[in-house]
Amino acid sequence: MKKAINYFSTVLLILFGFQALAQEREARDLDNFRYRDQRGIEQFEAKKDTATTFEGVKVRIGGAFAIQFQALDHESTGMPMNTDGDPISLIEIGNNFNLPTANLDLDVQLYDGISMHLRTYLSSRHHPEPYVKGGYIQIDKLDFIKKGFMENVMKDVRIKIGHMENNYGDAHFRRSDNAQAIYNPFVGNLIMDGFTTEVGAEVYYFKQGFIGMLGVTNGKLNQAVDNPDTTDPSFIAKLGYDSSINDDLRLRLTGSVYHTNKSANAYLYSADRAGSRYYLVMEEEGATTKNNFASGRFNPGLRNELTSFMINPFVKYQGLEFFGTYERASGKADTELETRSFNQYAAELIYRFGNNENIYVGGRYNYVDGEELGGTNIDISRFNLSAGWFMTKNILAKLEYVNQKYSGFEANDIRNGGKFDGVVFEAVISF
């Protein structure tokens, strides 16, 4: 533990050294834009406001950097065999730094009421080389057609088009997106990480706290024209309410649905190509950081007739906030005739205090259960404790304890009787 503390102290010194790169400059912010710093942690959809300040094309260059020190242990009673019939053990893991991750963000105000976003992973667990995540164009006004065109409609309507992070559920607003980890009060994302990027369009309606969204995509993560009959469109919808009742109390409740009839490979629970935060946990000997990038996550493997629902309540009273997730996913693999289902439950309780709520402590419980291919009923549980400190609006240091357990897996599955636990330090810069 003393060695881990020394490593963490080194990280803090590095962060202070980079502080000059991440000073707050509100003049860089665009219209209808989610802040990339501490101000964005309780934002979900970007604010909708037609009172714009457009004075010409404006380019905002931003980014994020993150590094972790991982001190985790894992164990298993599962006994998988190699081709020679010999048992395979878990890979040996130690305590050390993970590969630092980095994002590059380009946000451009193209016209009055029109903006563009593009995110590139400069370095990630699965792609050490630069890799374009995706982007979109956001339309909040139609003045490019004619000044004031349909302004009574567009004051409440937004259109997004692109190969983009699709707005299924609210959990994706709080998750770590490679190096963009400043919104996440914890280090890891959910066990069943509902997140995907597909080509499509979303239409929003905002009115006095009420939120509605309808979207359609081509159902593909990797775009191609050589498999025209393997994938159907995906449909996404969201309905909710978000309002500050008074200066102390804010309430938000949304329900979302994602549906695709068939897909060459439905990516809703495996589309995060950056990789999970818990490196090499529950992986076999010979695993590599790059190729085994989903450690600690669970993909239910539902490719066809996939329908997922997610309900998310968010309540904040002064410095105390609660964020919840209930999710149910149903579908089947290519070889299945009957559908099967998985449920996910998550509850986060965070208390923020100090100067401008720059310090927080919190806990999260996450539980998944359902039927695997072949009929085995499994469950996975995770418990997190976390503490964080915003040194500035752009710099966050956090410490997390995690304990995850696996139950019900087949005797020859390496996850049978498995668990991992320990601490992870993470340092984040975002601007």
Protein backbone atom coordinates (compact mmCIF):
# COMPACT_ATOMS: atom_id res chain seq x y z
CA MET A 1 0.00 0.00 0.00
CA LYS A 2 2.92 2.36 0.74
CA LYS A 3 4.18 1.78 -2.80
CA ALA A 4 0.70 2.58 -4.17
CA ILE A 5 0.57 5.83 -2.18
CA ASN A 6 3.97 6.85 -3.58
CA TYR A 7 2.74 6.18 -7.12
CA PHE A 8 -0.39 8.24 -6.48
CA SER A 9 1.68 11.13 -5.12
CA THR A 10 3.63 11.08 -8.39
CA VAL A 11 0.38 11.33 -10.32
CA LEU A 12 -0.69 14.37 -8.29
CA LEU A 13 2.61 16.11 -9.02
CA ILE A 14 2.17 15.43 -12.73
CA LEU A 15 -1.34 16.90 -12.58
CA PHE A 16 -0.16 20.07 -10.92
CA GLY A 17 2.53 20.36 -13.58
CA PHE A 18 -0.13 20.28 -16.29
CA GLN A 19 -2.50 22.64 -14.49
CA ALA A 20 -1.51 25.56 -16.72
CA LEU A 21 -2.83 23.64 -19.72
CA ALA A 22 -6.30 23.29 -18.23
CA GLN A 23 -7.19 26.72 -16.83
CA GLU A 24 -10.85 27.60 -17.16
CA ARG A 25 -11.63 29.81 -20.16
CA GLU A 26 -15.38 30.25 -20.49
CA ALA A 27 -14.81 32.28 -23.67
CA ARG A 28 -14.04 28.98 -25.40
CA ASP A 29 -17.52 27.59 -24.73
CA LEU A 30 -20.03 27.33 -27.54
CA ASP A 31 -23.80 27.70 -27.71
CA ASN A 32 -25.85 24.63 -26.70
CA PHE A 33 -22.74 22.85 -25.52
CA ARG A 34 -22.02 20.39 -22.69
CA TYR A 35 -19.12 21.69 -20.63
CA ARG A 36 -16.03 19.46 -20.66
CA ASP A 37 -15.14 20.31 -17.06
CA GLN A 38 -16.73 20.10 -13.60
CA ARG A 39 -19.66 22.21 -14.79
CA GLY A 40 -20.72 19.34 -17.06
CA ILE A 41 -21.05 16.61 -14.44
CA GLU A 42 -24.75 17.20 -13.84
CA GLN A 43 -25.59 17.99 -17.45
CA PHE A 44 -27.22 15.33 -19.56
CA GLU A 45 -28.37 16.50 -22.98
CA ALA A 46 -26.71 19.80 -23.88
CA LYS A 47 -28.84 22.78 -22.88
CA LYS A 48 -31.35 24.04 -25.44
CA ASP A 49 -31.25 27.79 -26.00
CA THR A 50 -31.95 29.69 -29.21
CA ALA A 51 -30.58 32.97 -27.80
CA THR A 52 -27.22 32.39 -29.49
CA THR A 53 -24.10 34.53 -29.63
CA PHE A 54 -22.92 33.64 -33.15
CA GLU A 55 -20.42 36.08 -34.63
CA GLY A 56 -18.78 33.79 -37.20
CA VAL A 57 -17.22 30.35 -37.42
CA LYS A 58 -15.62 29.46 -34.10
CA VAL A 59 -13.38 26.44 -33.50
CA ARG A 60 -12.93 25.01 -30.02
CA ILE A 61 -10.05 22.56 -29.54
CA GLY A 62 -10.34 20.52 -26.37
CA GLY A 63 -9.33 17.18 -25.00
CA ALA A 64 -8.93 14.89 -22.04
CA PHE A 65 -6.17 12.87 -20.43
CA ALA A 66 -6.47 10.10 -17.85
CA ILE A 67 -4.12 7.73 -16.08
CA GLN A 68 -4.77 5.05 -13.47
CA PHE A 69 -2.71 3.20 -10.91
CA GLN A 70 -4.32 -0.22 -10.49
CA ALA A 71 -3.90 -2.43 -7.42
CA LEU A 72 -6.36 -5.29 -7.96
CA ASP A 73 -6.34 -9.00 -7.12
CA HIS A 74 -8.47 -11.69 -8.75
CA GLU A 75 -9.29 -15.35 -8.22
CA SER A 76 -11.46 -18.09 -9.69
CA THR A 77 -12.59 -21.68 -9.06
CA GLY A 78 -13.32 -22.26 -12.77
CA MET A 79 -11.20 -24.87 -14.57
CA PRO A 80 -11.11 -24.26 -18.33
CA MET A 81 -8.81 -26.55 -20.33
CA ASN A 82 -6.45 -25.83 -23.20
CA THR A 83 -6.24 -27.98 -26.34
CA ASP A 84 -3.91 -30.43 -24.53
CA GLY A 85 -6.39 -30.91 -21.70
CA ASP A 86 -4.34 -28.96 -19.16
CA PRO A 87 -6.04 -26.45 -16.85
CA ILE A 88 -5.75 -22.72 -17.67
CA SER A 89 -5.15 -20.29 -14.84
CA LEU A 90 -5.90 -16.61 -14.44
CA ILE A 91 -3.20 -14.29 -15.71
CA GLU A 92 -0.95 -12.93 -12.99
CA ILE A 93 -1.49 -9.20 -12.49
CA GLY A 94 0.44 -6.76 -10.32
CA ASN A 95 0.20 -3.20 -9.06
CA ASN A 96 1.24 -0.52 -11.53
CA PHE A 97 0.14 2.21 -13.91
CA ASN A 98 -2.11 1.49 -16.86
CA LEU A 99 -1.51 2.96 -20.32
CA PRO A 100 -2.43 6.68 -20.17
CA THR A 101 -5.41 7.49 -22.38
CA ALA A 102 -6.07 10.67 -24.35
CA ASN A 103 -8.93 12.23 -26.35
CA LEU A 104 -8.97 15.08 -28.86
CA ASP A 105 -12.22 17.04 -29.24
CA LEU A 106 -13.05 19.42 -32.06
CA ASP A 107 -16.20 21.49 -31.59
CA VAL A 108 -17.10 24.04 -34.22
CA GLN A 109 -19.83 26.70 -34.30
CA LEU A 110 -20.53 26.56 -38.03
CA TYR A 111 -23.48 28.93 -38.21
CA ASP A 112 -26.09 30.51 -35.98
CA GLY A 113 -27.71 27.48 -34.33
CA ILE A 114 -25.50 24.87 -36.04
CA SER A 115 -22.51 23.17 -34.42
CA MET A 116 -20.32 20.17 -35.07
CA HIS A 117 -18.55 17.75 -32.71
CA LEU A 118 -15.78 15.24 -33.45
CA ARG A 119 -13.97 13.05 -30.92
CA THR A 120 -10.79 11.11 -31.61
CA TYR A 121 -9.22 8.64 -29.20
CA LEU A 122 -5.53 9.53 -29.42
CA SER A 123 -4.64 6.61 -27.16
CA SER A 124 -6.90 3.94 -25.67
CA ARG A 125 -6.65 0.47 -24.21
CA HIS A 126 -7.93 -1.26 -27.37
CA HIS A 127 -6.48 1.23 -29.86
CA PRO A 128 -3.06 2.56 -28.78
CA GLU A 129 -3.04 4.36 -32.14
CA PRO A 130 -5.41 7.31 -32.88
CA TYR A 131 -8.94 6.11 -33.57
CA VAL A 132 -11.97 8.23 -34.50
CA LYS A 133 -14.84 7.56 -32.11
CA GLY A 134 -17.42 9.57 -34.08
CA GLY A 135 -19.11 12.90 -34.44
CA TYR A 136 -22.29 14.73 -35.34
CA ILE A 137 -23.84 17.95 -36.54
CA GLN A 138 -26.31 19.58 -34.15
CA ILE A 139 -29.05 21.87 -35.48
CA ASP A 140 -30.89 24.17 -33.06
CA LYS A 141 -31.98 26.76 -35.65
CA LEU A 142 -32.92 26.70 -39.32
CA ASP A 143 -31.69 30.22 -40.09
CA PHE A 144 -29.36 28.79 -42.74
CA ILE A 145 -32.52 28.29 -44.84
CA LYS A 146 -33.98 31.71 -44.08
CA LYS A 147 -33.66 34.07 -41.14
CA GLY A 148 -36.31 33.08 -38.59
CA PHE A 149 -37.40 30.00 -40.57
CA MET A 150 -39.68 27.86 -38.35
CA GLU A 151 -38.35 29.65 -35.28
CA ASN A 152 -41.49 28.89 -33.25
CA VAL A 153 -40.85 25.19 -33.80
CA MET A 154 -37.08 25.23 -33.44
CA LYS A 155 -37.17 27.03 -30.10
CA ASP A 156 -38.14 23.61 -28.65
CA VAL A 157 -36.64 21.22 -31.25
CA ARG A 158 -33.13 19.92 -31.88
CA ILE A 159 -31.81 17.68 -34.66
CA LYS A 160 -28.60 15.63 -34.43
CA ILE A 161 -27.15 13.71 -37.38
CA GLY A 162 -23.94 11.72 -37.51
CA HIS A 163 -21.98 8.58 -36.67
CA MET A 164 -22.38 9.34 -33.02
CA GLU A 165 -22.89 8.20 -29.45
CA ASN A 166 -26.58 7.35 -29.49
CA ASN A 167 -28.78 8.68 -26.69
CA TYR A 168 -29.96 5.43 -25.11
CA GLY A 169 -30.50 5.85 -21.37
CA ASP A 170 -28.92 8.39 -19.05
CA ALA A 171 -26.07 6.22 -17.75
CA HIS A 172 -23.98 7.01 -20.84
CA PHE A 173 -23.87 10.68 -19.78
CA ARG A 174 -22.05 9.71 -16.55
CA ARG A 175 -19.76 6.99 -17.90
CA SER A 176 -16.07 7.36 -18.73
CA ASP A 177 -15.53 7.77 -22.49
CA ASN A 178 -11.90 6.72 -22.77
CA ALA A 179 -9.98 9.69 -21.29
CA GLN A 180 -13.14 11.79 -20.76
CA ALA A 181 -13.64 10.51 -17.21
CA ILE A 182 -14.41 13.77 -15.43
CA TYR A 183 -18.19 13.14 -15.45
CA ASN A 184 -17.85 9.73 -13.77
CA PRO A 185 -17.64 9.83 -9.96
CA PHE A 186 -16.23 6.28 -10.10
CA VAL A 187 -13.44 4.69 -12.11
CA GLY A 188 -15.35 1.90 -13.86
CA ASN A 189 -18.55 1.97 -15.91
CA LEU A 190 -21.53 -0.34 -15.39
CA ILE A 191 -21.14 -4.11 -15.71
CA MET A 192 -23.50 -4.18 -18.71
CA ASP A 193 -22.24 -1.02 -20.38
CA GLY A 194 -25.08 0.22 -22.62
CA PHE A 195 -23.26 2.41 -25.14
CA THR A 196 -23.00 2.41 -28.92
CA THR A 197 -22.07 4.61 -31.87
CA GLU A 198 -24.12 4.17 -35.03
CA VAL A 199 -24.93 6.28 -38.08
CA GLY A 200 -28.31 7.90 -37.69
CA ALA A 201 -30.40 10.89 -36.65
CA GLU A 202 -32.15 11.97 -33.45
CA VAL A 203 -34.90 14.55 -33.11
CA TYR A 204 -35.46 16.17 -29.69
CA TYR A 205 -38.29 18.14 -28.16
CA PHE A 206 -37.71 20.25 -25.02
CA LYS A 207 -40.62 21.99 -23.31
CA GLN A 208 -40.82 23.26 -19.72
CA GLY A 209 -38.70 20.42 -18.36
CA PHE A 210 -40.18 17.68 -20.51
CA ILE A 211 -37.82 15.83 -22.87
CA GLY A 212 -38.74 13.68 -25.85
CA MET A 213 -36.43 12.06 -28.39
CA LEU A 214 -36.90 9.77 -31.38
CA GLY A 215 -33.96 8.35 -33.28
CA VAL A 216 -33.17 5.86 -36.02
CA THR A 217 -29.80 4.40 -37.01
CA ASN A 218 -28.55 1.89 -39.58
CA GLY A 219 -27.78 -0.55 -36.75
CA LYS A 220 -24.04 -0.82 -37.51
CA LEU A 221 -20.98 0.12 -35.53
CA ASN A 222 -18.52 -0.70 -38.32
CA GLN A 223 -19.87 0.84 -41.51
CA ALA A 224 -19.83 -1.26 -44.71
CA VAL A 225 -21.90 -1.93 -47.85
CA ASP A 226 -20.94 -5.58 -48.33
CA ASN A 227 -23.55 -7.11 -45.97
CA PRO A 228 -26.85 -5.49 -46.97
CA ASP A 229 -29.15 -8.26 -45.69
CA THR A 230 -27.60 -8.91 -42.28
CA THR A 231 -28.69 -5.80 -40.38
CA ASP A 232 -31.95 -3.92 -39.89
CA PRO A 233 -32.29 -0.33 -38.63
CA SER A 234 -32.21 0.35 -34.90
CA PHE A 235 -34.79 2.57 -33.23
CA ILE A 236 -34.19 4.64 -30.10
CA ALA A 237 -36.62 6.69 -28.03
CA LYS A 238 -36.48 8.64 -24.77
CA LEU A 239 -39.12 10.36 -22.68
CA GLY A 240 -38.50 12.21 -19.46
CA TYR A 241 -38.74 15.21 -17.18
CA ASP A 242 -35.90 17.32 -15.78
CA SER A 243 -36.47 20.37 -13.60
CA SER A 244 -34.98 22.33 -10.72
CA ILE A 245 -37.83 22.58 -8.24
CA ASN A 246 -35.94 25.26 -6.30
CA ASP A 247 -32.33 26.27 -5.61
CA ASP A 248 -31.77 23.15 -3.48
CA LEU A 249 -33.72 20.42 -5.29
CA ARG A 250 -33.47 19.01 -8.81
CA LEU A 251 -35.46 16.06 -10.15
CA ARG A 252 -34.97 14.11 -13.37
CA LEU A 253 -36.62 10.90 -14.54
CA THR A 254 -36.23 9.36 -17.99
CA GLY A 255 -37.15 6.14 -19.74
CA SER A 256 -35.40 4.92 -22.89
CA VAL A 257 -35.74 2.07 -25.36
CA TYR A 258 -33.38 0.64 -27.98
CA HIS A 259 -34.65 -1.92 -30.51
CA THR A 260 -33.18 -3.70 -33.49
CA ASN A 261 -34.78 -6.64 -35.27
CA LYS A 262 -31.55 -8.21 -36.51
CA SER A 263 -27.90 -7.31 -36.70
CA ALA A 264 -24.68 -8.79 -38.03
CA ASN A 265 -23.44 -8.11 -34.50
CA ALA A 266 -25.52 -6.00 -32.10
CA TYR A 267 -22.97 -3.82 -30.32
CA LEU A 268 -25.08 -2.15 -27.63
CA TYR A 269 -23.13 -3.89 -24.85
CA SER A 270 -19.78 -4.20 -26.62
CA ALA A 271 -19.41 -0.99 -28.63
CA ASP A 272 -16.94 0.70 -26.28
CA ARG A 273 -13.79 0.10 -28.30
CA ALA A 274 -11.71 2.11 -25.81
CA GLY A 275 -11.88 -0.68 -23.23
CA SER A 276 -12.84 -1.16 -19.60
CA ARG A 277 -11.04 0.44 -16.67
CA TYR A 278 -10.23 -2.82 -14.84
CA TYR A 279 -7.25 -4.10 -16.80
CA LEU A 280 -6.87 -7.90 -17.27
CA VAL A 281 -9.13 -8.92 -14.38
CA MET A 282 -10.65 -12.42 -14.79
CA GLU A 283 -8.61 -13.06 -17.94
CA GLU A 284 -6.72 -16.26 -18.78
CA GLU A 285 -2.97 -16.68 -19.01
CA GLY A 286 -1.71 -15.18 -22.24
CA ALA A 287 -4.30 -12.38 -22.32
CA THR A 288 -3.16 -8.99 -23.59
CA THR A 289 -4.27 -5.52 -22.57
CA LYS A 290 -5.22 -4.59 -26.15
CA ASN A 291 -7.04 -7.74 -27.26
CA ASN A 292 -8.77 -8.52 -23.95
CA PHE A 293 -10.11 -4.99 -23.58
CA ALA A 294 -13.50 -5.81 -21.99
CA SER A 295 -12.19 -7.15 -18.66
CA GLY A 296 -14.75 -6.90 -15.88
CA ARG A 297 -17.67 -6.11 -18.21
CA PHE A 298 -20.40 -8.48 -19.36
CA ASN A 299 -21.92 -8.76 -22.84
CA PRO A 300 -25.17 -10.81 -22.87
CA GLY A 301 -24.62 -11.71 -26.55
CA LEU A 302 -28.08 -10.70 -27.78
CA ARG A 303 -27.77 -10.11 -31.53
CA ASN A 304 -31.28 -10.52 -32.94
CA GLU A 305 -34.62 -9.08 -31.86
CA LEU A 306 -32.76 -7.05 -29.25
CA THR A 307 -34.97 -4.78 -27.17
CA SER A 308 -33.52 -2.92 -24.19
CA PHE A 309 -35.29 -0.61 -21.77
CA MET A 310 -33.57 1.69 -19.30
CA ILE A 311 -35.11 3.83 -16.55
CA ASN A 312 -32.97 6.44 -14.80
CA PRO A 313 -34.00 8.59 -11.81
CA PHE A 314 -31.73 11.44 -10.75
CA VAL A 315 -32.33 13.47 -7.58
CA LYS A 316 -30.06 16.15 -6.19
CA TYR A 317 -30.76 17.92 -2.91
CA GLN A 318 -28.06 20.45 -2.06
CA GLY A 319 -24.85 18.38 -2.10
CA LEU A 320 -26.50 14.95 -1.96
CA GLU A 321 -27.33 13.20 -5.23
CA PHE A 322 -28.82 9.87 -6.23
CA PHE A 323 -28.60 8.31 -9.67
CA GLY A 324 -30.29 5.00 -10.43
CA THR A 325 -30.49 2.55 -13.30
CA TYR A 326 -32.93 -0.23 -14.05
CA GLU A 327 -32.37 -1.99 -17.36
CA ARG A 328 -33.90 -5.02 -19.04
CA ALA A 329 -32.47 -6.45 -22.26
CA SER A 330 -34.13 -9.24 -24.25
CA GLY A 331 -33.10 -10.94 -27.47
CA LYS A 332 -31.34 -13.98 -28.85
CA ALA A 333 -28.15 -15.11 -30.50
CA ASP A 334 -28.03 -16.30 -34.12
CA THR A 335 -28.37 -19.95 -33.07
CA GLU A 336 -31.31 -19.44 -30.68
CA LEU A 337 -35.01 -19.88 -31.36
CA GLU A 338 -36.28 -18.41 -28.08
CA THR A 339 -35.45 -15.06 -26.55
CA ARG A 340 -33.73 -14.71 -23.20
CA SER A 341 -33.39 -11.72 -20.89
CA PHE A 342 -31.01 -9.93 -18.57
CA ASN A 343 -31.74 -7.39 -15.84
CA GLN A 344 -29.37 -4.75 -14.55
CA TYR A 345 -29.76 -2.67 -11.39
CA ALA A 346 -27.47 0.14 -10.24
CA ALA A 347 -27.74 2.74 -7.50
CA GLU A 348 -25.28 5.57 -6.86
CA LEU A 349 -25.30 7.85 -3.83
CA ILE A 350 -22.87 10.78 -3.95
CA TYR A 351 -22.27 13.59 -1.47
CA ARG A 352 -20.50 16.67 -2.82
CA PHE A 353 -19.13 19.30 -0.46
CA GLY A 354 -16.37 21.87 -0.04
CA ASN A 355 -15.70 24.97 -2.09
CA ASN A 356 -18.03 24.75 -5.12
CA GLU A 357 -18.62 21.07 -4.26
CA ASN A 358 -15.08 20.27 -5.31
CA ILE A 359 -14.84 17.20 -3.03
CA TYR A 360 -17.11 14.16 -3.04
CA VAL A 361 -17.54 10.72 -1.51
CA GLY A 362 -19.91 8.07 -2.76
CA GLY A 363 -20.90 4.48 -3.24
CA ARG A 364 -22.46 2.38 -5.98
CA TYR A 365 -24.03 -1.07 -6.10
CA ASN A 366 -24.42 -2.77 -9.49
CA TYR A 367 -26.10 -6.14 -10.09
CA VAL A 368 -26.77 -8.13 -13.27
CA ASP A 369 -28.65 -11.42 -13.64
CA GLY A 370 -30.04 -13.40 -16.53
CA GLU A 371 -29.85 -16.48 -18.74
CA GLU A 372 -26.76 -17.19 -20.78
CA LEU A 373 -26.71 -18.97 -24.12
CA GLY A 374 -27.29 -22.62 -23.22
CA GLY A 375 -29.71 -21.91 -20.37
CA THR A 376 -27.33 -21.21 -17.48
CA ASN A 377 -28.60 -18.59 -15.02
CA ILE A 378 -25.79 -16.33 -13.85
CA ASP A 379 -25.39 -13.19 -11.78
CA ILE A 380 -22.65 -10.63 -11.28
CA SER A 381 -22.48 -8.10 -8.45
CA ARG A 382 -20.20 -5.12 -7.94
CA PHE A 383 -19.72 -2.75 -5.02
CA ASN A 384 -17.77 0.51 -5.31
CA LEU A 385 -16.65 3.14 -2.84
CA SER A 386 -15.16 6.33 -4.27
CA ALA A 387 -13.75 9.69 -3.24
CA GLY A 388 -12.74 12.54 -5.52
CA TRP A 389 -11.18 15.98 -5.46
CA PHE A 390 -11.56 18.63 -8.17
CA MET A 391 -8.29 20.52 -7.82
CA THR A 392 -9.65 22.93 -10.42
CA LYS A 393 -12.71 22.69 -12.65
CA ASN A 394 -10.53 20.84 -15.16
CA ILE A 395 -8.51 18.52 -12.93
CA LEU A 396 -9.92 15.58 -10.96
CA ALA A 397 -8.20 12.98 -8.78
CA LYS A 398 -10.25 10.03 -7.54
CA LEU A 399 -9.71 6.87 -5.53
CA GLU A 400 -11.99 3.86 -5.84
CA TYR A 401 -12.38 0.56 -4.02
CA VAL A 402 -14.08 -2.13 -6.13
CA ASN A 403 -15.32 -5.62 -5.27
CA GLN A 404 -16.92 -7.72 -8.03
CA LYS A 405 -18.20 -11.32 -7.77
CA TYR A 406 -19.43 -13.88 -10.32
CA SER A 407 -21.93 -16.64 -9.61
CA GLY A 408 -23.71 -19.41 -11.53
CA PHE A 409 -21.23 -19.81 -14.40
CA GLU A 410 -20.42 -23.27 -15.76
CA ALA A 411 -17.74 -25.23 -13.88
CA ASN A 412 -15.31 -24.96 -16.80
CA ASP A 413 -15.83 -21.19 -17.17
CA ILE A 414 -12.92 -19.21 -15.75
CA ARG A 415 -15.46 -16.79 -14.23
CA ASN A 416 -17.04 -19.57 -12.12
CA GLY A 417 -16.65 -18.58 -8.48
CA GLY A 418 -14.62 -15.63 -9.64
CA LYS A 419 -14.04 -12.30 -7.99
CA PHE A 420 -11.70 -9.32 -8.09
CA ASP A 421 -11.17 -6.52 -5.62
CA GLY A 422 -8.78 -3.76 -4.70
CA VAL A 423 -8.20 -0.06 -5.29
CA VAL A 424 -7.69 2.09 -8.38
CA PHE A 425 -6.36 5.66 -8.41
CA GLU A 426 -7.35 7.77 -11.39
CA ALA A 427 -6.25 11.25 -12.41
CA VAL A 428 -8.16 13.17 -15.09
CA ILE A 429 -7.63 16.40 -17.02
CA SER A 430 -10.46 17.63 -19.23
CA PHE A 431 -10.84 20.95 -21.03
